[in-house]
Amino acid sequence: MTQREVTDSENTTWTCVQAYGTLSKENADKAAELTEDTNGEVTVVCTPSGGAQTVRLQLPKDWLEALSDDELASKISVAKS
């Protein structure tokens, strides 16, 4: 499972993983293909440290490499609102 951590402006550390990321690579790739929306985006679940609520984001399928930490933290902040 590939995950990414980012810390927001409130000093909360978020662990983000693509939905179905815990499946085997082959099954995860198939699940991502099936859940990819018409804009080429996939569901990413971000879980915070502490007591904040988990958020679900729709991000480009290359979000792990393409989004900077600031961009990912900003998208999490918007989703929390």
PDB file of N, CA and C in Angstrom:
ATOM      1  N   MET A   1       0.851  -1.178   0.000  1.00  0.00           N
ATOM      2  CA  MET A   1       0.000   0.000   0.000  1.00  0.00           C
ATOM      3  C   MET A   1       0.892   1.234   0.000  1.00  0.00           C
ATOM      4  N   THR A   2       0.679   2.094  -0.967  1.00  0.00           N
ATOM      5  CA  THR A   2       1.424   3.340  -1.030  1.00  0.00           C
ATOM      6  C   THR A   2       0.597   4.423  -0.370  1.00  0.00           C
ATOM      7  N   GLN A   3       1.213   5.097   0.585  1.00  0.00           N
ATOM      8  CA  GLN A   3       0.518   6.179   1.267  1.00  0.00           C
ATOM      9  C   GLN A   3       1.433   7.384   1.330  1.00  0.00           C
ATOM     10  N   ARG A   4       0.836   8.489   1.693  1.00  0.00           N
ATOM     11  CA  ARG A   4       1.590   9.737   1.755  1.00  0.00           C
ATOM     12  C   ARG A   4       1.134  10.509   2.975  1.00  0.00           C
ATOM     13  N   GLU A   5       2.085  11.118   3.669  1.00  0.00           N
ATOM     14  CA  GLU A   5       1.762  11.939   4.833  1.00  0.00           C
ATOM     15  C   GLU A   5       2.020  13.399   4.513  1.00  0.00           C
ATOM     16  N   VAL A   6       1.138  14.245   5.035  1.00  0.00           N
ATOM     17  CA  VAL A   6       1.272  15.685   4.852  1.00  0.00           C
ATOM     18  C   VAL A   6       0.784  16.348   6.140  1.00  0.00           C
ATOM     19  N   THR A   7       1.424  17.451   6.511  1.00  0.00           N
ATOM     20  CA  THR A   7       1.031  18.190   7.708  1.00  0.00           C
ATOM     21  C   THR A   7       0.425  19.518   7.278  1.00  0.00           C
ATOM     22  N   ASP A   8      -0.771  19.809   7.814  1.00  0.00           N
ATOM     23  CA  ASP A   8      -1.463  21.038   7.419  1.00  0.00           C
ATOM     24  C   ASP A   8      -1.066  22.211   8.301  1.00  0.00           C
ATOM     25  N   SER A   9      -1.676  23.358   8.057  1.00  0.00           N
ATOM     26  CA  SER A   9      -1.347  24.588   8.788  1.00  0.00           C
ATOM     27  C   SER A   9      -1.742  24.531  10.257  1.00  0.00           C
ATOM     28  N   GLU A  10      -2.607  23.584  10.618  1.00  0.00           N
ATOM     29  CA  GLU A  10      -3.011  23.423  12.020  1.00  0.00           C
ATOM     30  C   GLU A  10      -2.145  22.391  12.728  1.00  0.00           C
ATOM     31  N   ASN A  11      -1.067  21.970  12.059  1.00  0.00           N
ATOM     32  CA  ASN A  11      -0.108  20.996  12.579  1.00  0.00           C
ATOM     33  C   ASN A  11      -0.708  19.605  12.766  1.00  0.00           C
ATOM     34  N   THR A  12      -1.735  19.294  11.976  1.00  0.00           N
ATOM     35  CA  THR A  12      -2.306  17.946  11.961  1.00  0.00           C
ATOM     36  C   THR A  12      -1.628  17.180  10.842  1.00  0.00           C
ATOM     37  N   THR A  13      -1.161  15.978  11.156  1.00  0.00           N
ATOM     38  CA  THR A  13      -0.555  15.126  10.142  1.00  0.00           C
ATOM     39  C   THR A  13      -1.616  14.210   9.570  1.00  0.00           C
ATOM     40  N   TRP A  14      -1.738  14.215   8.267  1.00  0.00           N
ATOM     41  CA  TRP A  14      -2.727  13.419   7.547  1.00  0.00           C
ATOM     42  C   TRP A  14      -2.012  12.314   6.788  1.00  0.00           C
ATOM     43  N   THR A  15      -2.534  11.104   6.880  1.00  0.00           N
ATOM     44  CA  THR A  15      -2.043   9.982   6.095  1.00  0.00           C
ATOM     45  C   THR A  15      -3.059   9.716   5.002  1.00  0.00           C
ATOM     46  N   CYS A  16      -2.623   9.837   3.760  1.00  0.00           N
ATOM     47  CA  CYS A  16      -3.524   9.705   2.612  1.00  0.00           C
ATOM     48  C   CYS A  16      -3.181   8.448   1.825  1.00  0.00           C
ATOM     49  N   VAL A  17      -4.227   7.741   1.428  1.00  0.00           N
ATOM     50  CA  VAL A  17      -4.065   6.519   0.642  1.00  0.00           C
ATOM     51  C   VAL A  17      -5.214   6.430  -0.351  1.00  0.00           C
ATOM     52  N   GLN A  18      -4.903   5.944  -1.525  1.00  0.00           N
ATOM     53  CA  GLN A  18      -5.952   5.765  -2.523  1.00  0.00           C
ATOM     54  C   GLN A  18      -6.889   4.660  -2.075  1.00  0.00           C
ATOM     55  N   ALA A  19      -8.178   4.849  -2.271  1.00  0.00           N
ATOM     56  CA  ALA A  19      -9.158   3.822  -1.915  1.00  0.00           C
ATOM     57  C   ALA A  19      -8.752   2.506  -2.552  1.00  0.00           C
ATOM     58  N   TYR A  20      -8.907   1.439  -1.829  1.00  0.00           N
ATOM     59  CA  TYR A  20      -8.532   0.085  -2.240  1.00  0.00           C
ATOM     60  C   TYR A  20      -7.026  -0.118  -2.266  1.00  0.00           C
ATOM     61  N   GLY A  21      -6.280   0.779  -1.650  1.00  0.00           N
ATOM     62  CA  GLY A  21      -4.829   0.679  -1.644  1.00  0.00           C
ATOM     63  C   GLY A  21      -4.294  -0.499  -0.853  1.00  0.00           C
ATOM     64  N   THR A  22      -5.129  -1.110  -0.019  1.00  0.00           N
ATOM     65  CA  THR A  22      -4.662  -2.246   0.775  1.00  0.00           C
ATOM     66  C   THR A  22      -4.758  -3.558   0.015  1.00  0.00           C
ATOM     67  N   LEU A  23      -5.348  -3.549  -1.161  1.00  0.00           N
ATOM     68  CA  LEU A  23      -5.447  -4.758  -1.973  1.00  0.00           C
ATOM     69  C   LEU A  23      -4.098  -5.054  -2.622  1.00  0.00           C
ATOM     70  N   SER A  24      -3.956  -6.248  -3.162  1.00  0.00           N
ATOM     71  CA  SER A  24      -2.751  -6.569  -3.918  1.00  0.00           C
ATOM     72  C   SER A  24      -2.633  -5.584  -5.068  1.00  0.00           C
ATOM     73  N   LYS A  25      -1.433  -5.408  -5.582  1.00  0.00           N
ATOM     74  CA  LYS A  25      -1.226  -4.424  -6.654  1.00  0.00           C
ATOM     75  C   LYS A  25      -2.171  -4.664  -7.821  1.00  0.00           C
ATOM     76  N   GLU A  26      -2.291  -5.900  -8.247  1.00  0.00           N
ATOM     77  CA  GLU A  26      -3.163  -6.212  -9.391  1.00  0.00           C
ATOM     78  C   GLU A  26      -4.613  -5.856  -9.082  1.00  0.00           C
ATOM     79  N   ASN A  27      -5.095  -6.258  -7.912  1.00  0.00           N
ATOM     80  CA  ASN A  27      -6.482  -5.960  -7.544  1.00  0.00           C
ATOM     81  C   ASN A  27      -6.685  -4.468  -7.295  1.00  0.00           C
ATOM     82  N   ALA A  28      -5.697  -3.810  -6.701  1.00  0.00           N
ATOM     83  CA  ALA A  28      -5.804  -2.372  -6.454  1.00  0.00           C
ATOM     84  C   ALA A  28      -5.862  -1.610  -7.771  1.00  0.00           C
ATOM     85  N   ASP A  29      -5.028  -2.014  -8.744  1.00  0.00           N
ATOM     86  CA  ASP A  29      -5.054  -1.355 -10.052  1.00  0.00           C
ATOM     87  C   ASP A  29      -6.406  -1.534 -10.724  1.00  0.00           C
ATOM     88  N   LYS A  30      -6.977  -2.731 -10.637  1.00  0.00           N
ATOM     89  CA  LYS A  30      -8.286  -3.000 -11.240  1.00  0.00           C
ATOM     90  C   LYS A  30      -9.367  -2.182 -10.539  1.00  0.00           C
ATOM     91  N   ALA A  31      -9.330  -2.141  -9.192  1.00  0.00           N
ATOM     92  CA  ALA A  31     -10.320  -1.368  -8.432  1.00  0.00           C
ATOM     93  C   ALA A  31     -10.207   0.115  -8.767  1.00  0.00           C
ATOM     94  N   ALA A  32      -8.986   0.628  -8.885  1.00  0.00           N
ATOM     95  CA  ALA A  32      -8.795   2.037  -9.229  1.00  0.00           C
ATOM     96  C   ALA A  32      -9.346   2.327 -10.620  1.00  0.00           C
ATOM     97  N   GLU A  33      -9.114   1.409 -11.528  1.00  0.00           N
ATOM     98  CA  GLU A  33      -9.632   1.566 -12.894  1.00  0.00           C
ATOM     99  C   GLU A  33     -11.161   1.615 -12.885  1.00  0.00           C
ATOM    100  N   LEU A  34     -11.779   0.766 -12.090  1.00  0.00           N
ATOM    101  CA  LEU A  34     -13.237   0.715 -12.026  1.00  0.00           C
ATOM    102  C   LEU A  34     -13.831   1.923 -11.323  1.00  0.00           C
ATOM    103  N   THR A  35     -13.087   2.509 -10.364  1.00  0.00           N
ATOM    104  CA  THR A  35     -13.626   3.632  -9.600  1.00  0.00           C
ATOM    105  C   THR A  35     -13.196   4.989 -10.134  1.00  0.00           C
ATOM    106  N   GLU A  36     -12.332   4.996 -11.138  1.00  0.00           N
ATOM    107  CA  GLU A  36     -11.901   6.256 -11.732  1.00  0.00           C
ATOM    108  C   GLU A  36     -13.112   6.948 -12.349  1.00  0.00           C
ATOM    109  N   ASP A  37     -13.257   8.236 -12.042  1.00  0.00           N
ATOM    110  CA  ASP A  37     -14.420   8.950 -12.581  1.00  0.00           C
ATOM    111  C   ASP A  37     -14.140   9.457 -13.994  1.00  0.00           C
ATOM    112  N   THR A  38     -15.110  10.124 -14.570  1.00  0.00           N
ATOM    113  CA  THR A  38     -14.991  10.564 -15.960  1.00  0.00           C
ATOM    114  C   THR A  38     -13.928  11.646 -16.144  1.00  0.00           C
ATOM    115  N   ASN A  39     -13.502  12.274 -15.061  1.00  0.00           N
ATOM    116  CA  ASN A  39     -12.452  13.289 -15.127  1.00  0.00           C
ATOM    117  C   ASN A  39     -11.065  12.683 -14.916  1.00  0.00           C
ATOM    118  N   GLY A  40     -10.968  11.352 -14.816  1.00  0.00           N
ATOM    119  CA  GLY A  40      -9.681  10.704 -14.586  1.00  0.00           C
ATOM    120  C   GLY A  40      -9.210  10.816 -13.151  1.00  0.00           C
ATOM    121  N   GLU A  41     -10.146  11.033 -12.229  1.00  0.00           N
ATOM    122  CA  GLU A  41      -9.793  11.171 -10.821  1.00  0.00           C
ATOM    123  C   GLU A  41     -10.159   9.910 -10.051  1.00  0.00           C
ATOM    124  N   VAL A  42      -9.442   9.701  -8.946  1.00  0.00           N
ATOM    125  CA  VAL A  42      -9.682   8.552  -8.079  1.00  0.00           C
ATOM    126  C   VAL A  42      -9.975   9.041  -6.666  1.00  0.00           C
ATOM    127  N   THR A  43     -10.579   8.177  -5.858  1.00  0.00           N
ATOM    128  CA  THR A  43     -10.883   8.519  -4.476  1.00  0.00           C
ATOM    129  C   THR A  43      -9.657   8.285  -3.604  1.00  0.00           C
ATOM    130  N   VAL A  44      -9.329   9.289  -2.808  1.00  0.00           N
ATOM    131  CA  VAL A  44      -8.221   9.207  -1.855  1.00  0.00           C
ATOM    132  C   VAL A  44      -8.803   9.493  -0.475  1.00  0.00           C
ATOM    133  N   VAL A  45      -8.462   8.646   0.498  1.00  0.00           N
ATOM    134  CA  VAL A  45      -8.933   8.812   1.866  1.00  0.00           C
ATOM    135  C   VAL A  45      -7.771   9.319   2.702  1.00  0.00           C
ATOM    136  N   CYS A  46      -7.994  10.421   3.428  1.00  0.00           N
ATOM    137  CA  CYS A  46      -6.960  11.004   4.280  1.00  0.00           C
ATOM    138  C   CYS A  46      -7.432  10.930   5.730  1.00  0.00           C
ATOM    139  N   THR A  47      -6.600  10.303   6.557  1.00  0.00           N
ATOM    140  CA  THR A  47      -6.922  10.095   7.965  1.00  0.00           C
ATOM    141  C   THR A  47      -5.980  10.942   8.819  1.00  0.00           C
ATOM    142  N   PRO A  48      -6.532  11.728   9.733  1.00  0.00           N
ATOM    143  CA  PRO A  48      -5.707  12.636  10.524  1.00  0.00           C
ATOM    144  C   PRO A  48      -5.138  11.980  11.778  1.00  0.00           C
ATOM    145  N   SER A  49      -4.042  12.551  12.264  1.00  0.00           N
ATOM    146  CA  SER A  49      -3.583  12.228  13.607  1.00  0.00           C
ATOM    147  C   SER A  49      -4.471  13.025  14.554  1.00  0.00           C
ATOM    148  N   GLY A  50      -4.646  12.569  15.747  1.00  0.00           N
ATOM    149  CA  GLY A  50      -5.504  13.305  16.676  1.00  0.00           C
ATOM    150  C   GLY A  50      -6.963  12.973  16.446  1.00  0.00           C
ATOM    151  N   GLY A  51      -7.843  13.929  16.707  1.00  0.00           N
ATOM    152  CA  GLY A  51      -9.262  13.634  16.694  1.00  0.00           C
ATOM    153  C   GLY A  51     -10.061  14.154  15.523  1.00  0.00           C
ATOM    154  N   ALA A  52      -9.407  14.758  14.529  1.00  0.00           N
ATOM    155  CA  ALA A  52     -10.162  15.305  13.400  1.00  0.00           C
ATOM    156  C   ALA A  52     -10.777  14.182  12.567  1.00  0.00           C
ATOM    157  N   GLN A  53     -11.722  14.540  11.722  1.00  0.00           N
ATOM    158  CA  GLN A  53     -12.461  13.564  10.934  1.00  0.00           C
ATOM    159  C   GLN A  53     -11.758  13.242   9.612  1.00  0.00           C
ATOM    160  N   THR A  54     -11.827  11.977   9.210  1.00  0.00           N
ATOM    161  CA  THR A  54     -11.293  11.522   7.936  1.00  0.00           C
ATOM    162  C   THR A  54     -12.000  12.247   6.792  1.00  0.00           C
ATOM    163  N   VAL A  55     -11.249  12.547   5.722  1.00  0.00           N
ATOM    164  CA  VAL A  55     -11.851  13.176   4.548  1.00  0.00           C
ATOM    165  C   VAL A  55     -11.589  12.316   3.319  1.00  0.00           C
ATOM    166  N   ARG A  56     -12.508  12.408   2.370  1.00  0.00           N
ATOM    167  CA  ARG A  56     -12.375  11.722   1.084  1.00  0.00           C
ATOM    168  C   ARG A  56     -12.205  12.785   0.017  1.00  0.00           C
ATOM    169  N   LEU A  57     -11.223  12.579  -0.836  1.00  0.00           N
ATOM    170  CA  LEU A  57     -10.921  13.531  -1.902  1.00  0.00           C
ATOM    171  C   LEU A  57     -11.002  12.843  -3.252  1.00  0.00           C
ATOM    172  N   GLN A  58     -11.347  13.582  -4.281  1.00  0.00           N
ATOM    173  CA  GLN A  58     -11.246  13.122  -5.662  1.00  0.00           C
ATOM    174  C   GLN A  58     -10.029  13.823  -6.234  1.00  0.00           C
ATOM    175  N   LEU A  59      -9.006  13.036  -6.558  1.00  0.00           N
ATOM    176  CA  LEU A  59      -7.744  13.600  -7.029  1.00  0.00           C
ATOM    177  C   LEU A  59      -7.328  12.939  -8.334  1.00  0.00           C
ATOM    178  N   PRO A  60      -6.453  13.611  -9.096  1.00  0.00           N
ATOM    179  CA  PRO A  60      -5.933  12.979 -10.309  1.00  0.00           C
ATOM    180  C   PRO A  60      -5.267  11.651  -9.953  1.00  0.00           C
ATOM    181  N   LYS A  61      -5.327  10.677 -10.861  1.00  0.00           N
ATOM    182  CA  LYS A  61      -4.796   9.359 -10.523  1.00  0.00           C
ATOM    183  C   LYS A  61      -3.293   9.371 -10.274  1.00  0.00           C
ATOM    184  N   ASP A  62      -2.597  10.411 -10.706  1.00  0.00           N
ATOM    185  CA  ASP A  62      -1.166  10.525 -10.430  1.00  0.00           C
ATOM    186  C   ASP A  62      -0.876  11.438  -9.228  1.00  0.00           C
ATOM    187  N   TRP A  63      -1.836  11.523  -8.297  1.00  0.00           N
ATOM    188  CA  TRP A  63      -1.750  12.439  -7.161  1.00  0.00           C
ATOM    189  C   TRP A  63      -0.500  12.224  -6.306  1.00  0.00           C
ATOM    190  N   LEU A  64      -0.034  11.001  -6.182  1.00  0.00           N
ATOM    191  CA  LEU A  64       1.147  10.747  -5.343  1.00  0.00           C
ATOM    192  C   LEU A  64       2.355  11.539  -5.826  1.00  0.00           C
ATOM    193  N   GLU A  65       2.539  11.617  -7.124  1.00  0.00           N
ATOM    194  CA  GLU A  65       3.687  12.315  -7.694  1.00  0.00           C
ATOM    195  C   GLU A  65       3.361  13.748  -8.095  1.00  0.00           C
ATOM    196  N   ALA A  66       2.138  13.997  -8.521  1.00  0.00           N
ATOM    197  CA  ALA A  66       1.800  15.272  -9.150  1.00  0.00           C
ATOM    198  C   ALA A  66       1.485  16.400  -8.166  1.00  0.00           C
ATOM    199  N   LEU A  67       0.904  16.078  -7.014  1.00  0.00           N
ATOM    200  CA  LEU A  67       0.512  17.129  -6.071  1.00  0.00           C
ATOM    201  C   LEU A  67       1.627  17.422  -5.082  1.00  0.00           C
ATOM    202  N   SER A  68       1.903  18.700  -4.867  1.00  0.00           N
ATOM    203  CA  SER A  68       2.862  19.084  -3.831  1.00  0.00           C
ATOM    204  C   SER A  68       2.202  18.902  -2.470  1.00  0.00           C
ATOM    205  N   ASP A  69       2.991  18.915  -1.411  1.00  0.00           N
ATOM    206  CA  ASP A  69       2.440  18.805  -0.056  1.00  0.00           C
ATOM    207  C   ASP A  69       1.459  19.945   0.213  1.00  0.00           C
ATOM    208  N   ASP A  70       1.809  21.153  -0.230  1.00  0.00           N
ATOM    209  CA  ASP A  70       0.929  22.309  -0.013  1.00  0.00           C
ATOM    210  C   ASP A  70      -0.403  22.139  -0.737  1.00  0.00           C
ATOM    211  N   GLU A  71      -0.363  21.630  -1.967  1.00  0.00           N
ATOM    212  CA  GLU A  71      -1.597  21.416  -2.725  1.00  0.00           C
ATOM    213  C   GLU A  71      -2.476  20.363  -2.046  1.00  0.00           C
ATOM    214  N   LEU A  72      -1.861  19.271  -1.587  1.00  0.00           N
ATOM    215  CA  LEU A  72      -2.618  18.211  -0.920  1.00  0.00           C
ATOM    216  C   LEU A  72      -3.206  18.726   0.389  1.00  0.00           C
ATOM    217  N   ALA A  73      -2.421  19.459   1.177  1.00  0.00           N
ATOM    218  CA  ALA A  73      -2.926  20.015   2.430  1.00  0.00           C
ATOM    219  C   ALA A  73      -4.072  20.989   2.172  1.00  0.00           C
ATOM    220  N   SER A  74      -3.974  21.767   1.102  1.00  0.00           N
ATOM    221  CA  SER A  74      -5.031  22.707   0.743  1.00  0.00           C
ATOM    222  C   SER A  74      -6.323  21.980   0.379  1.00  0.00           C
ATOM    223  N   LYS A  75      -6.220  20.897  -0.371  1.00  0.00           N
ATOM    224  CA  LYS A  75      -7.403  20.120  -0.755  1.00  0.00           C
ATOM    225  C   LYS A  75      -8.049  19.475   0.485  1.00  0.00           C
ATOM    226  N   ILE A  76      -7.225  19.044   1.430  1.00  0.00           N
ATOM    227  CA  ILE A  76      -7.745  18.476   2.678  1.00  0.00           C
ATOM    228  C   ILE A  76      -8.494  19.568   3.448  1.00  0.00           C
ATOM    229  N   SER A  77      -7.904  20.744   3.517  1.00  0.00           N
ATOM    230  CA  SER A  77      -8.528  21.865   4.238  1.00  0.00           C
ATOM    231  C   SER A  77      -9.890  22.215   3.647  1.00  0.00           C
ATOM    232  N   VAL A  78      -9.976  22.254   2.322  1.00  0.00           N
ATOM    233  CA  VAL A  78     -11.246  22.555   1.648  1.00  0.00           C
ATOM    234  C   VAL A  78     -12.270  21.459   1.950  1.00  0.00           C
ATOM    235  N   ALA A  79     -11.838  20.205   1.933  1.00  0.00           N
ATOM    236  CA  ALA A  79     -12.764  19.085   2.171  1.00  0.00           C
ATOM    237  C   ALA A  79     -13.276  19.083   3.608  1.00  0.00           C
ATOM    238  N   LYS A  80     -12.483  19.575   4.547  1.00  0.00           N
ATOM    239  CA  LYS A  80     -12.900  19.629   5.958  1.00  0.00           C
ATOM    240  C   LYS A  80     -13.998  20.654   6.170  1.00  0.00           C
ATOM    241  N   SER A  81     -14.007  21.685   5.348  1.00  0.00           N
ATOM    242  CA  SER A  81     -14.944  22.815   5.529  1.00  0.00           C
ATOM    243  C   SER A  81     -16.358  22.458   5.214  1.00  0.00           C
TER     244      SER A  81
END
